[in-house]
Amino acid sequence: MGVRILGARVAPGALDELPAEVSIVTVRALRLEPAAWSALASRLVPGAVLLAWSGEVAPELPAEFEAGRAERLAGSRARFLREFRLRGKR
């Protein structure tokens, strides 16, 4: 299994640096508009995982994503690592 780590800007029309298919995405300290989440979803393989670092309130994601586990970060009262999965097949 090959791993490629990218620091990419995600916005509609600005996904050139991402490969055609992505299996795992991490997001930290970033609030994206629904259109940007949908653009990102178009590159994810079925069942892809999105890990989002967030505060007490989970990010609002489009219907393409399904919420999974949420774990409080060690030593924090209000920070969580949240798992989301891409729904269905593309």
Protein backbone atom coordinates (compact mmCIF):
# COMPACT_ATOMS: atom_id res chain seq x y z
CA MET A 1 0.00 0.00 0.00
CA GLY A 2 1.45 3.35 -0.98
CA VAL A 3 0.93 6.44 1.12
CA ARG A 4 1.15 9.97 -0.18
CA ILE A 5 0.83 12.92 2.18
CA LEU A 6 -0.35 16.19 0.71
CA GLY A 7 -1.00 19.64 2.05
CA ALA A 8 -3.77 20.68 -0.29
CA ARG A 9 -6.14 23.61 -0.59
CA VAL A 10 -9.70 22.37 -0.90
CA ALA A 11 -12.18 24.60 -2.69
CA PRO A 12 -14.47 24.12 -5.66
CA GLY A 13 -12.28 24.22 -8.76
CA ALA A 14 -9.01 24.08 -6.77
CA LEU A 15 -8.42 20.35 -6.47
CA ASP A 16 -5.68 19.93 -9.07
CA GLU A 17 -3.08 18.85 -6.49
CA LEU A 18 -5.25 15.98 -5.22
CA PRO A 19 -5.09 12.55 -6.86
CA ALA A 20 -8.21 11.32 -8.66
CA GLU A 21 -9.03 8.99 -5.74
CA VAL A 22 -8.45 9.58 -2.03
CA SER A 23 -9.04 7.08 0.80
CA ILE A 24 -8.32 9.12 3.93
CA VAL A 25 -8.55 12.85 4.61
CA THR A 26 -7.70 14.71 7.81
CA VAL A 27 -8.96 18.21 8.53
CA ARG A 28 -7.78 20.38 11.41
CA ALA A 29 -8.75 23.94 12.31
CA LEU A 30 -10.60 24.43 9.08
CA ARG A 31 -14.18 25.40 8.33
CA LEU A 32 -15.25 24.56 4.79
CA GLU A 33 -18.36 25.64 2.95
CA PRO A 34 -20.76 22.86 1.85
CA ALA A 35 -19.67 23.25 -1.80
CA ALA A 36 -16.04 22.58 -0.81
CA TRP A 37 -17.03 19.43 1.13
CA SER A 38 -19.00 18.22 -1.91
CA ALA A 39 -16.04 18.92 -4.20
CA LEU A 40 -13.82 16.91 -1.86
CA ALA A 41 -16.38 14.07 -1.75
CA SER A 42 -16.16 13.75 -5.52
CA ARG A 43 -12.52 12.60 -5.12
CA LEU A 44 -13.11 10.09 -2.32
CA VAL A 45 -13.34 6.35 -2.92
CA PRO A 46 -16.43 4.52 -1.60
CA GLY A 47 -16.12 4.10 2.16
CA ALA A 48 -13.37 6.74 2.42
CA VAL A 49 -12.68 8.10 5.90
CA LEU A 50 -12.58 11.76 6.89
CA LEU A 51 -11.01 12.55 10.27
CA ALA A 52 -11.87 16.00 11.55
CA TRP A 53 -10.43 17.70 14.61
CA SER A 54 -13.16 19.89 16.04
CA GLY A 55 -14.58 21.59 19.09
CA GLU A 56 -17.65 20.46 20.99
CA VAL A 57 -19.88 21.00 17.96
CA ALA A 58 -19.33 18.64 15.05
CA PRO A 59 -18.80 20.21 11.62
CA GLU A 60 -21.89 20.32 9.42
CA LEU A 61 -21.17 18.15 6.41
CA PRO A 62 -23.27 17.52 3.30
CA ALA A 63 -25.42 14.39 3.01
CA GLU A 64 -22.54 12.58 1.23
CA PHE A 65 -20.94 12.05 4.65
CA GLU A 66 -22.12 9.87 7.53
CA ALA A 67 -20.98 10.56 11.10
CA GLY A 68 -19.06 7.80 12.86
CA ARG A 69 -17.06 7.73 16.08
CA ALA A 70 -16.12 10.80 18.12
CA GLU A 71 -13.29 10.66 20.64
CA ARG A 72 -12.40 13.41 23.08
CA LEU A 73 -8.73 14.33 22.71
CA ALA A 74 -6.61 13.44 25.73
CA GLY A 75 -6.27 16.30 28.20
CA SER A 76 -9.03 18.36 26.57
CA ARG A 77 -12.57 19.11 27.63
CA ALA A 78 -13.82 20.49 24.34
CA ARG A 79 -11.71 19.05 21.51
CA PHE A 80 -12.66 15.94 19.58
CA LEU A 81 -11.40 13.76 16.78
CA ARG A 82 -14.45 12.89 14.68
CA GLU A 83 -14.75 10.19 12.06
CA PHE A 84 -16.98 10.55 9.00
CA ARG A 85 -17.42 8.12 6.11
CA LEU A 86 -18.48 8.72 2.56
CA ARG A 87 -21.97 7.28 2.00
CA GLY A 88 -22.69 4.87 -0.81
CA LYS A 89 -20.90 4.29 -4.08
CA ARG A 90 -19.69 6.95 -6.46
